[in-house]
Amino acid sequence: FAHKGGIHVSAVLKHPETYEHMDPELVGNHRRVLVSELAGQSNILWKAREYGIDLDKNTPDARRILEMLKRLEDEGFQFEGAEASFELLMERALGNHRSYFDLDGYRVIVEEDNRDEEPVAEATVRLRVKSIPEHTAASGNGPVNALDHALRKALEDFYPNLKEMSLLDYKVRILDESKGTGAKTRVLITSGDGDETWGTVGVADNIIEASWQALVDSIEYKLRRDERKGRR
């Protein structure tokens, strides 16, 4: 009961029985609309309704978001498994999103002193949270793990509910194998907090930057969702 193509979704919005042999809710399922390079304006309107975003089909906003989606897909982004990133993209495009922190910079070091021991990764993060500067450092079993720890360390005093959240899955996809180690990478992160799981995505020539994009979206989605529920 998943629908992807723009014309397909437009028809389902008007007459779902033309594409579905039965009502999905009769078998405990539900209708899903995906976002991809095949999406049309109907996909955008459907997702806005699903996310609780006010989007009028008679304004240019839906078309603008669709154009942003297609441009990002051309750059290597993929939102089918990262709908939290797409929801944030829509909020930002409509001017409804507020940032929970501002990045001043980050640094990641991987050091190996002794070949008999595992390399050590350390990350430092400089942020401004509610106009307060934060400079934290943390170690991890890899550069992304260290960056995740440092970011949380900087934020958890301001947003204690982040302690409920954990990174459940981390996947890397090379987008152009012909470029070898210089290839652009796509990082997909799955996170959860016991109530919900969500996916976020980042794309960059640098795997650390791609990971940072996905980590930030994951945290901002959690904070945004909790804020809607009245949690701070």
Protein backbone atom coordinates (compact mmCIF):
# COMPACT_ATOMS: atom_id res chain seq x y z
CA PHE A 1 0.00 0.00 0.00
CA ALA A 2 2.92 2.33 -0.75
CA HIS A 3 2.62 4.91 -3.53
CA LYS A 4 5.55 6.73 -5.11
CA GLY A 5 4.96 8.34 -8.52
CA GLY A 6 3.38 11.78 -8.66
CA ILE A 7 0.57 10.92 -11.09
CA HIS A 8 -0.08 7.73 -9.14
CA VAL A 9 -0.42 9.62 -5.85
CA SER A 10 -2.65 12.27 -7.43
CA ALA A 11 -5.05 9.53 -8.51
CA VAL A 12 -4.96 7.86 -5.08
CA LEU A 13 -5.87 11.17 -3.44
CA LYS A 14 -8.98 11.40 -5.59
CA HIS A 15 -10.03 7.76 -6.01
CA PRO A 16 -7.94 5.33 -3.91
CA GLU A 17 -9.96 2.34 -5.09
CA THR A 18 -8.48 2.75 -8.58
CA TYR A 19 -5.02 1.74 -7.31
CA GLU A 20 -5.79 -0.31 -4.20
CA HIS A 21 -7.64 -3.61 -4.28
CA MET A 22 -8.94 -2.97 -0.74
CA ASP A 23 -8.86 -0.49 2.12
CA PRO A 24 -5.48 -1.09 3.85
CA GLU A 25 -7.00 -0.42 7.28
CA LEU A 26 -9.21 -3.50 6.89
CA VAL A 27 -6.11 -5.66 7.31
CA GLY A 28 -4.42 -3.52 9.97
CA ASN A 29 -2.24 -1.68 7.47
CA HIS A 30 -2.12 1.92 6.29
CA ARG A 31 -1.53 3.83 3.10
CA ARG A 32 1.99 5.22 2.60
CA VAL A 33 3.17 7.89 0.20
CA LEU A 34 6.91 8.00 -0.52
CA VAL A 35 9.10 10.92 -1.55
CA SER A 36 11.70 10.49 -4.28
CA GLU A 37 12.79 11.85 -7.66
CA LEU A 38 9.50 10.44 -9.02
CA ALA A 39 7.40 12.55 -6.65
CA GLY A 40 4.92 15.15 -7.80
CA GLN A 41 3.12 17.98 -6.09
CA SER A 42 0.52 15.54 -4.75
CA ASN A 43 3.25 13.71 -2.80
CA ILE A 44 4.28 16.98 -1.17
CA LEU A 45 0.71 17.86 -0.19
CA TRP A 46 0.16 14.37 1.21
CA LYS A 47 3.34 14.47 3.31
CA ALA A 48 2.48 17.95 4.60
CA ARG A 49 -0.87 16.64 5.82
CA GLU A 50 0.82 13.60 7.35
CA TYR A 51 3.34 15.80 9.21
CA GLY A 52 0.69 18.27 10.37
CA ILE A 53 2.14 21.06 8.22
CA ASP A 54 -0.23 23.67 6.82
CA LEU A 55 0.42 23.74 3.07
CA ASP A 56 -2.05 25.20 0.59
CA LYS A 57 -2.02 23.65 -2.89
CA ASN A 58 -2.86 27.06 -4.37
CA THR A 59 0.41 28.65 -3.19
CA PRO A 60 3.83 28.21 -4.85
CA ASP A 61 5.26 26.58 -1.70
CA ALA A 62 4.45 23.00 -2.73
CA ARG A 63 6.11 23.49 -6.12
CA ARG A 64 9.16 25.08 -4.48
CA ILE A 65 9.53 22.17 -2.03
CA LEU A 66 9.18 19.70 -4.90
CA GLU A 67 11.95 21.48 -6.81
CA MET A 68 14.16 21.37 -3.70
CA LEU A 69 13.47 17.64 -3.33
CA LYS A 70 14.42 16.88 -6.92
CA ARG A 71 17.58 18.99 -6.71
CA LEU A 72 18.71 17.25 -3.53
CA GLU A 73 17.93 13.82 -5.00
CA ASP A 74 20.13 14.77 -7.97
CA GLU A 75 22.91 15.61 -5.49
CA GLY A 76 22.66 12.14 -3.94
CA PHE A 77 20.15 12.60 -1.12
CA GLN A 78 17.50 9.93 -0.69
CA PHE A 79 14.52 10.52 1.57
CA GLU A 80 12.62 7.24 1.34
CA GLY A 81 14.41 5.97 4.44
CA ALA A 82 14.97 9.41 5.94
CA GLU A 83 11.58 11.04 6.28
CA ALA A 84 12.62 12.94 9.40
CA SER A 85 15.10 14.87 7.24
CA PHE A 86 12.38 15.52 4.68
CA GLU A 87 9.97 16.81 7.33
CA LEU A 88 12.67 19.20 8.57
CA LEU A 89 13.35 20.26 4.98
CA MET A 90 9.69 21.19 4.56
CA GLU A 91 9.64 23.11 7.85
CA ARG A 92 12.77 25.05 6.86
CA ALA A 93 11.43 25.81 3.38
CA LEU A 94 8.24 27.25 4.88
CA GLY A 95 10.10 29.28 7.52
CA ASN A 96 8.55 27.24 10.35
CA HIS A 97 11.74 25.70 11.70
CA ARG A 98 13.87 27.17 14.45
CA SER A 99 17.36 25.94 15.14
CA TYR A 100 18.00 24.59 18.63
CA PHE A 101 21.71 25.39 18.44
CA ASP A 102 24.21 27.11 16.15
CA LEU A 103 27.47 25.50 15.12
CA ASP A 104 30.70 27.47 15.42
CA GLY A 105 32.88 24.52 14.44
CA TYR A 106 33.89 20.94 15.05
CA ARG A 107 37.09 18.93 14.83
CA VAL A 108 37.70 15.19 14.72
CA ILE A 109 41.05 13.47 15.33
CA VAL A 110 41.92 9.79 15.03
CA GLU A 111 45.19 8.91 16.74
CA GLU A 112 47.14 5.67 16.92
CA ASP A 113 50.07 5.66 19.37
CA ASN A 114 50.68 1.94 19.55
CA ARG A 115 49.97 -0.58 16.83
CA ASP A 116 49.02 -3.13 19.46
CA GLU A 117 46.11 -0.93 20.57
CA GLU A 118 42.99 0.29 18.80
CA PRO A 119 43.11 3.84 17.38
CA VAL A 120 41.47 6.50 19.54
CA ALA A 121 38.99 8.98 18.06
CA GLU A 122 38.33 12.33 19.70
CA ALA A 123 35.92 15.07 18.66
CA THR A 124 35.56 18.65 19.83
CA VAL A 125 32.44 20.70 19.16
CA ARG A 126 31.88 24.45 19.53
CA LEU A 127 28.23 25.52 19.66
CA ARG A 128 25.99 28.31 20.82
CA VAL A 129 22.92 27.00 22.61
CA LYS A 130 20.33 29.62 23.55
CA SER A 131 23.10 32.21 22.99
CA ILE A 132 25.39 30.40 25.46
CA PRO A 133 28.74 29.20 24.05
CA GLU A 134 29.54 25.53 24.59
CA HIS A 135 32.88 23.89 23.86
CA THR A 136 32.96 20.15 24.53
CA ALA A 137 35.18 17.18 23.74
CA ALA A 138 34.48 13.46 23.78
CA SER A 139 36.08 10.23 22.63
CA GLY A 140 34.54 7.27 20.85
CA ASN A 141 35.31 4.03 19.08
CA GLY A 142 35.36 5.91 15.77
CA PRO A 143 35.17 9.49 14.49
CA VAL A 144 31.38 9.53 14.05
CA ASN A 145 30.80 7.94 17.47
CA ALA A 146 33.08 10.56 19.05
CA LEU A 147 31.28 13.38 17.23
CA ASP A 148 27.91 12.03 18.39
CA HIS A 149 29.14 11.92 22.02
CA ALA A 150 30.57 15.44 21.87
CA LEU A 151 27.39 16.89 20.36
CA ARG A 152 25.17 15.24 22.97
CA LYS A 153 27.51 16.35 25.76
CA ALA A 154 27.08 19.95 24.62
CA LEU A 155 23.29 19.74 24.38
CA GLU A 156 21.99 17.44 27.12
CA ASP A 157 22.17 20.05 29.92
CA PHE A 158 19.88 22.27 27.82
CA TYR A 159 17.70 19.47 26.44
CA PRO A 160 17.68 16.59 28.98
CA ASN A 161 15.22 14.54 26.90
CA LEU A 162 18.05 13.83 24.45
CA LYS A 163 19.25 11.25 26.99
CA GLU A 164 16.28 9.09 25.91
CA MET A 165 17.54 8.99 22.34
CA SER A 166 19.97 6.48 20.88
CA LEU A 167 21.50 5.83 17.49
CA LEU A 168 20.13 2.49 16.27
CA ASP A 169 21.71 2.10 12.84
CA TYR A 170 24.36 3.79 10.72
CA LYS A 171 24.79 3.09 7.01
CA VAL A 172 27.17 4.53 4.44
CA ARG A 173 26.68 4.38 0.68
CA ILE A 174 29.34 5.36 -1.85
CA LEU A 175 27.64 7.31 -4.64
CA ASP A 176 30.37 7.24 -7.29
CA GLU A 177 32.61 4.20 -6.95
CA SER A 178 34.86 5.34 -9.81
CA LYS A 179 36.28 8.09 -7.57
CA GLY A 180 37.51 5.63 -4.95
CA THR A 181 38.30 7.20 -1.58
CA GLY A 182 37.36 10.64 -2.97
CA ALA A 183 33.79 9.60 -3.75
CA LYS A 184 30.75 11.43 -2.44
CA THR A 185 29.04 9.50 0.36
CA ARG A 186 25.49 9.25 1.64
CA VAL A 187 24.99 8.53 5.33
CA LEU A 188 21.69 7.21 6.65
CA ILE A 189 21.11 7.19 10.40
CA THR A 190 18.24 5.52 12.23
CA SER A 191 17.53 6.83 15.73
CA GLY A 192 14.94 6.06 18.39
CA ASP A 193 13.77 7.03 21.85
CA GLY A 194 11.49 4.15 22.86
CA ASP A 195 8.38 5.82 21.45
CA GLU A 196 9.38 6.22 17.82
CA THR A 197 12.17 5.49 15.36
CA TRP A 198 13.15 7.90 12.59
CA GLY A 199 15.64 8.17 9.76
CA THR A 200 17.86 11.05 8.68
CA VAL A 201 20.29 11.52 5.82
CA GLY A 202 23.41 13.48 4.96
CA VAL A 203 25.42 13.72 1.73
CA ALA A 204 28.89 15.19 1.23
CA ASP A 205 32.30 14.50 -0.29
CA ASN A 206 33.54 14.15 3.30
CA ILE A 207 32.04 11.23 5.25
CA ILE A 208 32.36 13.13 8.55
CA GLU A 209 30.37 16.08 7.15
CA ALA A 210 27.70 13.75 5.75
CA SER A 211 27.49 12.07 9.16
CA TRP A 212 27.26 15.45 10.90
CA GLN A 213 24.32 16.47 8.69
CA ALA A 214 22.44 13.27 9.55
CA LEU A 215 23.28 13.55 13.28
CA VAL A 216 22.06 17.15 13.47
CA ASP A 217 18.80 16.32 11.68
CA SER A 218 18.26 13.38 14.03
CA ILE A 219 18.63 15.55 17.12
CA GLU A 220 16.60 18.45 15.72
CA TYR A 221 13.78 16.09 14.74
CA LYS A 222 13.68 14.70 18.29
CA LEU A 223 13.61 18.18 19.83
CA ARG A 224 11.02 19.45 17.36
CA ARG A 225 8.73 16.48 17.94
CA ASP A 226 9.01 16.75 21.74
CA GLU A 227 8.31 20.48 21.57
CA ARG A 228 5.09 19.78 19.69
CA LYS A 229 4.12 17.39 22.47
CA GLY A 230 4.71 20.11 25.06
CA ARG A 231 8.03 18.68 26.26
CA ARG A 232 11.12 20.85 26.60
